[in-house]
Amino acid sequence: MTKSSVKFPRQAFLGAAALLLLSVATSAHADAPAPLDVTAKLVEIPSKLPPDDLYDYAYVMRYQVQGGPLDKQFILVAHYKPLQARSKIKDKMKSQVGGKLRSFNTGDVHKLKLAADLKSIWKGALVDEYAATDRKSVRYWCLQVDPA
């Protein structure tokens, strides 16, 4: 066999490689768990929120779920730049942060859409006052928060 008789066109190879990458990316996205919708009372903001102008960060707060399968359970939820109204977030995280909430106040009840895969969504600074005493609990990423 000569070199010329076993030719594989470069475009066919690149097309096959692109299809393979697309199918891997699609299956990885399809494996992501569905968001969790809960109504919960904000029971603790553990410390003063850092100013937004220093750096981008997410801040972990503690909620108690009201109703549904997680009724009365405490959950930890990370919010991106909690000093800003959700509708005012216009930077690179806009697609991962939404809702109508304007401010976070202890005692308020919120409707939350949560993702359990915080680390795949947020790779920046995480202010988590609970990390020293609770390393096992899931930290949820808040995709959307609205007043209840």
N, C-alpha and C. Protein backbone atom coordinates (compact mmCIF):
# COMPACT_ATOMS: atom_id res chain seq x y z
N MET A 1 0.82 -1.17 0.00
CA MET A 1 0.00 0.00 0.00
C MET A 1 0.87 1.24 0.00
N THR A 2 0.50 2.14 -0.80
CA THR A 2 1.24 3.39 -0.84
C THR A 2 0.53 4.40 0.04
N LYS A 3 1.23 5.48 0.30
CA LYS A 3 0.68 6.54 1.13
C LYS A 3 -0.60 7.11 0.54
N SER A 4 -0.65 7.27 -0.76
CA SER A 4 -1.78 7.91 -1.42
C SER A 4 -3.03 7.02 -1.41
N SER A 5 -2.90 5.71 -1.29
CA SER A 5 -4.08 4.85 -1.32
C SER A 5 -4.83 4.81 0.01
N VAL A 6 -4.23 5.29 1.13
CA VAL A 6 -4.88 5.28 2.43
C VAL A 6 -5.09 6.72 2.91
N LYS A 7 -5.55 7.55 2.04
CA LYS A 7 -5.75 8.96 2.39
C LYS A 7 -7.05 9.12 3.16
N PHE A 8 -6.99 9.89 4.21
CA PHE A 8 -8.18 10.24 4.98
C PHE A 8 -8.25 11.76 4.95
N PRO A 9 -9.27 12.28 4.32
CA PRO A 9 -9.32 13.74 4.18
C PRO A 9 -9.29 14.45 5.54
N ARG A 10 -8.53 15.52 5.59
CA ARG A 10 -8.38 16.29 6.83
C ARG A 10 -9.73 16.82 7.32
N GLN A 11 -10.59 17.28 6.40
CA GLN A 11 -11.89 17.82 6.79
C GLN A 11 -12.75 16.75 7.46
N ALA A 12 -12.69 15.53 6.97
CA ALA A 12 -13.46 14.44 7.57
C ALA A 12 -12.97 14.15 8.98
N PHE A 13 -11.65 14.18 9.16
CA PHE A 13 -11.08 13.96 10.49
C PHE A 13 -11.51 15.06 11.46
N LEU A 14 -11.41 16.31 11.03
CA LEU A 14 -11.80 17.43 11.89
C LEU A 14 -13.30 17.39 12.20
N GLY A 15 -14.10 17.02 11.22
CA GLY A 15 -15.54 16.91 11.44
C GLY A 15 -15.87 15.84 12.46
N ALA A 16 -15.20 14.69 12.37
CA ALA A 16 -15.43 13.61 13.33
C ALA A 16 -14.99 14.02 14.74
N ALA A 17 -13.87 14.72 14.82
CA ALA A 17 -13.38 15.19 16.12
C ALA A 17 -14.37 16.20 16.72
N ALA A 18 -14.92 17.09 15.92
CA ALA A 18 -15.88 18.08 16.41
C ALA A 18 -17.15 17.39 16.91
N LEU A 19 -17.63 16.38 16.18
CA LEU A 19 -18.82 15.64 16.62
C LEU A 19 -18.57 14.93 17.95
N LEU A 20 -17.41 14.35 18.10
CA LEU A 20 -17.06 13.66 19.33
C LEU A 20 -17.06 14.64 20.51
N LEU A 21 -16.44 15.80 20.33
CA LEU A 21 -16.40 16.81 21.39
C LEU A 21 -17.80 17.30 21.73
N LEU A 22 -18.62 17.50 20.72
CA LEU A 22 -19.99 17.97 20.94
C LEU A 22 -20.80 16.94 21.72
N SER A 23 -20.66 15.67 21.38
CA SER A 23 -21.42 14.64 22.08
C SER A 23 -20.95 14.50 23.53
N VAL A 24 -19.66 14.65 23.80
CA VAL A 24 -19.15 14.59 25.17
C VAL A 24 -19.68 15.77 25.97
N ALA A 25 -19.65 16.98 25.40
CA ALA A 25 -20.15 18.16 26.08
C ALA A 25 -21.64 18.06 26.35
N THR A 26 -22.39 17.56 25.41
CA THR A 26 -23.84 17.42 25.57
C THR A 26 -24.17 16.39 26.64
N SER A 27 -23.46 15.26 26.66
CA SER A 27 -23.76 14.25 27.67
C SER A 27 -23.35 14.74 29.06
N ALA A 28 -22.28 15.52 29.17
CA ALA A 28 -21.87 16.06 30.46
C ALA A 28 -22.93 17.03 30.97
N HIS A 29 -23.50 17.84 30.10
CA HIS A 29 -24.54 18.79 30.49
C HIS A 29 -25.83 18.04 30.86
N ALA A 30 -26.12 16.98 30.16
CA ALA A 30 -27.34 16.21 30.43
C ALA A 30 -27.26 15.49 31.78
N ASP A 31 -26.04 15.19 32.25
CA ASP A 31 -25.86 14.51 33.52
C ASP A 31 -26.00 15.43 34.72
N ALA A 32 -26.03 16.76 34.50
CA ALA A 32 -26.16 17.70 35.60
C ALA A 32 -27.53 17.52 36.27
N PRO A 33 -27.54 17.49 37.61
CA PRO A 33 -28.82 17.30 38.29
C PRO A 33 -29.76 18.49 38.05
N ALA A 34 -31.05 18.22 38.06
CA ALA A 34 -32.05 19.27 37.86
C ALA A 34 -32.02 20.22 39.06
N PRO A 35 -32.30 21.49 38.82
CA PRO A 35 -32.34 22.44 39.94
C PRO A 35 -33.40 22.05 40.97
N LEU A 36 -33.16 22.42 42.20
CA LEU A 36 -34.05 22.14 43.32
C LEU A 36 -34.81 23.43 43.65
N ASP A 37 -36.13 23.39 43.66
CA ASP A 37 -36.96 24.54 44.00
C ASP A 37 -37.48 24.37 45.42
N VAL A 38 -37.19 25.36 46.29
CA VAL A 38 -37.66 25.31 47.67
C VAL A 38 -38.11 26.70 48.12
N THR A 39 -38.94 26.72 49.14
CA THR A 39 -39.27 27.94 49.86
C THR A 39 -38.59 27.80 51.21
N ALA A 40 -37.83 28.83 51.60
CA ALA A 40 -37.06 28.71 52.83
C ALA A 40 -36.91 30.06 53.52
N LYS A 41 -36.78 30.00 54.84
CA LYS A 41 -36.58 31.20 55.65
C LYS A 41 -35.08 31.41 55.85
N LEU A 42 -34.62 32.63 55.58
CA LEU A 42 -33.22 32.98 55.82
C LEU A 42 -33.02 33.13 57.33
N VAL A 43 -32.30 32.18 57.93
CA VAL A 43 -32.15 32.18 59.39
C VAL A 43 -30.84 32.78 59.87
N GLU A 44 -29.83 32.83 58.96
CA GLU A 44 -28.55 33.39 59.43
C GLU A 44 -27.71 33.91 58.28
N ILE A 45 -27.25 35.15 58.48
CA ILE A 45 -26.17 35.74 57.68
C ILE A 45 -25.05 35.88 58.70
N PRO A 46 -24.05 34.99 58.68
CA PRO A 46 -23.14 34.85 59.81
C PRO A 46 -22.20 36.03 60.10
N SER A 47 -21.97 36.92 59.18
CA SER A 47 -21.08 38.05 59.43
C SER A 47 -21.44 39.17 58.46
N LYS A 48 -20.78 40.31 58.64
CA LYS A 48 -21.02 41.44 57.74
C LYS A 48 -20.57 41.07 56.34
N LEU A 49 -21.40 41.42 55.35
CA LEU A 49 -21.06 41.11 53.96
C LEU A 49 -19.91 41.98 53.48
N PRO A 50 -18.93 41.39 52.78
CA PRO A 50 -17.82 42.19 52.24
C PRO A 50 -18.32 43.15 51.15
N PRO A 51 -17.64 44.27 50.96
CA PRO A 51 -18.04 45.18 49.88
C PRO A 51 -17.84 44.53 48.51
N ASP A 52 -18.72 44.85 47.58
CA ASP A 52 -18.65 44.26 46.24
C ASP A 52 -17.52 44.82 45.39
N ASP A 53 -17.01 45.98 45.73
CA ASP A 53 -16.03 46.61 44.85
C ASP A 53 -14.62 46.04 45.00
N LEU A 54 -14.38 45.23 46.02
CA LEU A 54 -13.05 44.65 46.21
C LEU A 54 -12.76 43.49 45.27
N TYR A 55 -13.71 42.57 45.16
CA TYR A 55 -13.54 41.38 44.34
C TYR A 55 -14.89 40.70 44.15
N ASP A 56 -14.98 39.81 43.19
CA ASP A 56 -16.19 39.01 42.98
C ASP A 56 -16.16 37.86 43.99
N TYR A 57 -17.29 37.62 44.62
CA TYR A 57 -17.35 36.55 45.61
C TYR A 57 -18.77 36.01 45.72
N ALA A 58 -18.87 34.83 46.32
CA ALA A 58 -20.15 34.25 46.69
C ALA A 58 -20.13 34.10 48.20
N TYR A 59 -21.29 34.28 48.82
CA TYR A 59 -21.39 34.29 50.28
C TYR A 59 -22.41 33.23 50.72
N VAL A 60 -22.04 32.40 51.67
CA VAL A 60 -22.89 31.31 52.14
C VAL A 60 -23.76 31.76 53.31
N MET A 61 -25.08 31.53 53.17
CA MET A 61 -26.06 31.85 54.21
C MET A 61 -26.83 30.59 54.58
N ARG A 62 -27.42 30.60 55.79
CA ARG A 62 -28.16 29.43 56.26
C ARG A 62 -29.66 29.69 56.19
N TYR A 63 -30.37 28.71 55.64
CA TYR A 63 -31.83 28.76 55.49
C TYR A 63 -32.45 27.57 56.18
N GLN A 64 -33.75 27.71 56.52
CA GLN A 64 -34.55 26.57 56.97
C GLN A 64 -35.71 26.41 55.98
N VAL A 65 -35.78 25.23 55.38
CA VAL A 65 -36.77 24.94 54.35
C VAL A 65 -38.16 24.87 54.97
N GLN A 66 -39.15 25.41 54.24
CA GLN A 66 -40.54 25.38 54.68
C GLN A 66 -41.36 24.59 53.67
N GLY A 67 -41.82 23.41 54.08
CA GLY A 67 -42.64 22.57 53.21
C GLY A 67 -41.81 21.68 52.30
N GLY A 68 -42.50 20.79 51.63
CA GLY A 68 -41.85 19.88 50.68
C GLY A 68 -41.04 18.79 51.36
N PRO A 69 -40.30 18.02 50.57
CA PRO A 69 -39.55 16.88 51.12
C PRO A 69 -38.42 17.28 52.07
N LEU A 70 -37.94 18.51 52.00
CA LEU A 70 -36.86 18.96 52.89
C LEU A 70 -37.39 19.81 54.06
N ASP A 71 -38.69 19.73 54.34
CA ASP A 71 -39.33 20.57 55.36
C ASP A 71 -38.55 20.56 56.67
N LYS A 72 -38.30 21.76 57.19
CA LYS A 72 -37.63 22.01 58.46
C LYS A 72 -36.12 21.73 58.45
N GLN A 73 -35.57 21.28 57.34
CA GLN A 73 -34.14 21.04 57.26
C GLN A 73 -33.39 22.35 57.04
N PHE A 74 -32.19 22.43 57.59
CA PHE A 74 -31.33 23.58 57.38
C PHE A 74 -30.46 23.31 56.16
N ILE A 75 -30.31 24.31 55.31
CA ILE A 75 -29.47 24.18 54.13
C ILE A 75 -28.55 25.40 54.04
N LEU A 76 -27.40 25.20 53.40
CA LEU A 76 -26.44 26.28 53.19
C LEU A 76 -26.47 26.68 51.72
N VAL A 77 -26.64 27.98 51.48
CA VAL A 77 -26.83 28.48 50.12
C VAL A 77 -25.84 29.60 49.83
N ALA A 78 -25.13 29.48 48.72
CA ALA A 78 -24.18 30.51 48.29
C ALA A 78 -24.87 31.47 47.33
N HIS A 79 -24.76 32.77 47.64
CA HIS A 79 -25.30 33.83 46.79
C HIS A 79 -24.15 34.66 46.23
N TYR A 80 -24.20 34.93 44.95
CA TYR A 80 -23.19 35.77 44.29
C TYR A 80 -23.48 37.24 44.62
N LYS A 81 -22.47 37.96 45.06
CA LYS A 81 -22.57 39.39 45.36
C LYS A 81 -23.90 39.76 46.03
N PRO A 82 -24.12 39.32 47.26
CA PRO A 82 -25.42 39.51 47.91
C PRO A 82 -25.79 40.96 48.23
N LEU A 83 -24.87 41.89 48.16
CA LEU A 83 -25.21 43.28 48.40
C LEU A 83 -25.95 43.91 47.22
N GLN A 84 -25.90 43.27 46.06
CA GLN A 84 -26.57 43.79 44.87
C GLN A 84 -27.94 43.13 44.69
N ALA A 85 -28.90 43.95 44.21
CA ALA A 85 -30.19 43.38 43.83
C ALA A 85 -29.92 42.38 42.71
N ARG A 86 -30.64 41.27 42.72
CA ARG A 86 -30.41 40.22 41.72
C ARG A 86 -30.56 40.76 40.29
N SER A 87 -31.50 41.65 40.07
CA SER A 87 -31.74 42.20 38.72
C SER A 87 -30.62 43.14 38.27
N LYS A 88 -29.78 43.61 39.18
CA LYS A 88 -28.69 44.54 38.84
C LYS A 88 -27.41 43.82 38.46
N ILE A 89 -27.38 42.51 38.61
CA ILE A 89 -26.16 41.76 38.26
C ILE A 89 -26.11 41.61 36.75
N LYS A 90 -25.12 42.22 36.14
CA LYS A 90 -25.01 42.26 34.68
C LYS A 90 -23.66 41.73 34.18
N ASP A 91 -22.83 41.20 35.07
CA ASP A 91 -21.50 40.75 34.65
C ASP A 91 -21.53 39.31 34.14
N LYS A 92 -20.39 38.65 34.14
CA LYS A 92 -20.25 37.30 33.57
C LYS A 92 -21.14 36.26 34.26
N MET A 93 -21.64 36.55 35.46
CA MET A 93 -22.46 35.59 36.20
C MET A 93 -23.95 35.78 35.96
N LYS A 94 -24.33 36.70 35.11
CA LYS A 94 -25.75 36.99 34.87
C LYS A 94 -26.55 35.73 34.52
N SER A 95 -25.97 34.83 33.75
CA SER A 95 -26.69 33.62 33.35
C SER A 95 -26.87 32.63 34.50
N GLN A 96 -26.12 32.81 35.60
CA GLN A 96 -26.19 31.88 36.74
C GLN A 96 -26.81 32.51 37.98
N VAL A 97 -27.30 33.76 37.86
CA VAL A 97 -27.87 34.47 39.00
C VAL A 97 -29.11 35.22 38.52
N GLY A 98 -30.24 35.03 39.20
CA GLY A 98 -31.44 35.74 38.79
C GLY A 98 -32.42 35.90 39.92
N GLY A 99 -33.53 36.53 39.61
CA GLY A 99 -34.58 36.72 40.58
C GLY A 99 -34.94 38.17 40.79
N LYS A 100 -35.90 38.38 41.67
CA LYS A 100 -36.43 39.72 41.92
C LYS A 100 -36.02 40.28 43.28
N LEU A 101 -35.29 39.50 44.08
CA LEU A 101 -34.91 39.95 45.42
C LEU A 101 -33.97 41.14 45.35
N ARG A 102 -34.22 42.13 46.20
CA ARG A 102 -33.40 43.35 46.22
C ARG A 102 -32.35 43.32 47.33
N SER A 103 -32.68 42.69 48.47
CA SER A 103 -31.73 42.63 49.58
C SER A 103 -32.00 41.40 50.43
N PHE A 104 -30.98 40.99 51.16
CA PHE A 104 -31.06 39.82 52.03
C PHE A 104 -31.19 40.27 53.48
N ASN A 105 -32.24 39.82 54.16
CA ASN A 105 -32.47 40.16 55.56
C ASN A 105 -32.87 38.91 56.33
N THR A 106 -32.21 38.70 57.46
CA THR A 106 -32.54 37.56 58.31
C THR A 106 -34.02 37.59 58.67
N GLY A 107 -34.67 36.42 58.57
CA GLY A 107 -36.09 36.30 58.88
C GLY A 107 -36.98 36.33 57.65
N ASP A 108 -36.47 36.83 56.53
CA ASP A 108 -37.26 36.86 55.29
C ASP A 108 -37.42 35.46 54.72
N VAL A 109 -38.52 35.23 54.01
CA VAL A 109 -38.78 33.94 53.36
C VAL A 109 -38.58 34.14 51.86
N HIS A 110 -37.83 33.22 51.26
CA HIS A 110 -37.48 33.31 49.84
C HIS A 110 -37.90 32.05 49.08
N LYS A 111 -38.22 32.25 47.81
CA LYS A 111 -38.37 31.13 46.88
C LYS A 111 -37.02 30.99 46.19
N LEU A 112 -36.42 29.81 46.29
CA LEU A 112 -35.07 29.58 45.79
C LEU A 112 -35.05 28.51 44.72
N LYS A 113 -34.25 28.75 43.68
CA LYS A 113 -33.93 27.72 42.70
C LYS A 113 -32.45 27.44 42.90
N LEU A 114 -32.14 26.20 43.30
CA LEU A 114 -30.79 25.86 43.73
C LEU A 114 -30.14 24.79 42.85
N ALA A 115 -28.84 24.89 42.73
CA ALA A 115 -28.03 23.87 42.06
C ALA A 115 -27.10 23.27 43.10
N ALA A 116 -27.00 21.95 43.13
CA ALA A 116 -26.15 21.28 44.11
C ALA A 116 -24.68 21.25 43.68
N ASP A 117 -24.39 21.63 42.45
CA ASP A 117 -23.02 21.55 41.93
C ASP A 117 -22.34 22.92 41.96
N LEU A 118 -22.26 23.53 43.14
CA LEU A 118 -21.66 24.86 43.31
C LEU A 118 -20.29 24.96 42.67
N LYS A 119 -19.44 23.97 42.87
CA LYS A 119 -18.06 24.05 42.37
C LYS A 119 -17.96 24.07 40.85
N SER A 120 -18.95 23.53 40.15
CA SER A 120 -18.90 23.59 38.69
C SER A 120 -19.42 24.93 38.18
N ILE A 121 -20.19 25.65 38.98
CA ILE A 121 -20.72 26.95 38.57
C ILE A 121 -19.81 28.08 39.01
N TRP A 122 -19.35 28.03 40.25
CA TRP A 122 -18.55 29.12 40.82
C TRP A 122 -17.17 28.63 41.22
N LYS A 123 -16.15 29.26 40.64
CA LYS A 123 -14.77 28.87 40.93
C LYS A 123 -14.01 29.99 41.63
N GLY A 124 -14.70 31.09 41.94
CA GLY A 124 -14.06 32.24 42.58
C GLY A 124 -14.07 32.14 44.09
N ALA A 125 -13.87 33.31 44.73
CA ALA A 125 -13.82 33.39 46.19
C ALA A 125 -15.17 33.01 46.79
N LEU A 126 -15.12 32.19 47.84
CA LEU A 126 -16.33 31.76 48.55
C LEU A 126 -16.16 32.13 50.01
N VAL A 127 -17.01 33.04 50.50
CA VAL A 127 -17.00 33.41 51.92
C VAL A 127 -17.96 32.44 52.61
N ASP A 128 -17.37 31.49 53.35
CA ASP A 128 -18.15 30.42 53.99
C ASP A 128 -17.76 30.33 55.46
N GLU A 129 -18.50 31.04 56.31
CA GLU A 129 -18.22 31.04 57.75
C GLU A 129 -18.52 29.69 58.40
N TYR A 130 -19.22 28.81 57.70
CA TYR A 130 -19.59 27.51 58.24
C TYR A 130 -18.52 26.44 57.98
N ALA A 131 -17.55 26.74 57.14
CA ALA A 131 -16.56 25.75 56.73
C ALA A 131 -15.78 25.17 57.91
N ALA A 132 -15.52 25.97 58.93
CA ALA A 132 -14.72 25.49 60.06
C ALA A 132 -15.46 24.45 60.90
N THR A 133 -16.79 24.55 60.96
CA THR A 133 -17.55 23.64 61.82
C THR A 133 -18.41 22.63 61.06
N ASP A 134 -18.61 22.86 59.77
CA ASP A 134 -19.48 21.97 58.98
C ASP A 134 -18.89 21.79 57.58
N ARG A 135 -18.14 20.73 57.41
CA ARG A 135 -17.53 20.48 56.11
C ARG A 135 -18.34 19.49 55.28
N LYS A 136 -19.33 18.84 55.88
CA LYS A 136 -20.07 17.77 55.20
C LYS A 136 -21.31 18.26 54.46
N SER A 137 -21.95 19.30 54.94
CA SER A 137 -23.20 19.75 54.31
C SER A 137 -22.96 20.27 52.89
N VAL A 138 -23.92 20.00 52.03
CA VAL A 138 -23.86 20.50 50.65
C VAL A 138 -23.99 22.02 50.68
N ARG A 139 -23.18 22.68 49.86
CA ARG A 139 -23.33 24.12 49.64
C ARG A 139 -24.05 24.25 48.31
N TYR A 140 -25.26 24.78 48.35
CA TYR A 140 -26.04 24.97 47.12
C TYR A 140 -25.69 26.31 46.50
N TRP A 141 -25.73 26.38 45.18
CA TRP A 141 -25.60 27.64 44.45
C TRP A 141 -27.00 28.15 44.16
N CYS A 142 -27.26 29.41 44.47
CA CYS A 142 -28.57 29.98 44.22
C CYS A 142 -28.63 30.51 42.80
N LEU A 143 -29.42 29.84 41.96
CA LEU A 143 -29.62 30.25 40.56
C LEU A 143 -30.63 31.39 40.48
N GLN A 144 -31.61 31.36 41.38
CA GLN A 144 -32.66 32.39 41.36
C GLN A 144 -33.24 32.51 42.77
N VAL A 145 -33.50 33.76 43.19
CA VAL A 145 -34.13 34.00 44.49
C VAL A 145 -35.16 35.11 44.34
N ASP A 146 -36.35 34.82 44.86
CA ASP A 146 -37.46 35.77 44.82
C ASP A 146 -38.08 35.86 46.21
N PRO A 147 -38.69 37.00 46.54
CA PRO A 147 -39.44 37.05 47.80
C PRO A 147 -40.58 36.05 47.74
N ALA A 148 -40.89 35.43 48.86
CA ALA A 148 -41.99 34.44 48.89
C ALA A 148 -43.33 35.15 49.04
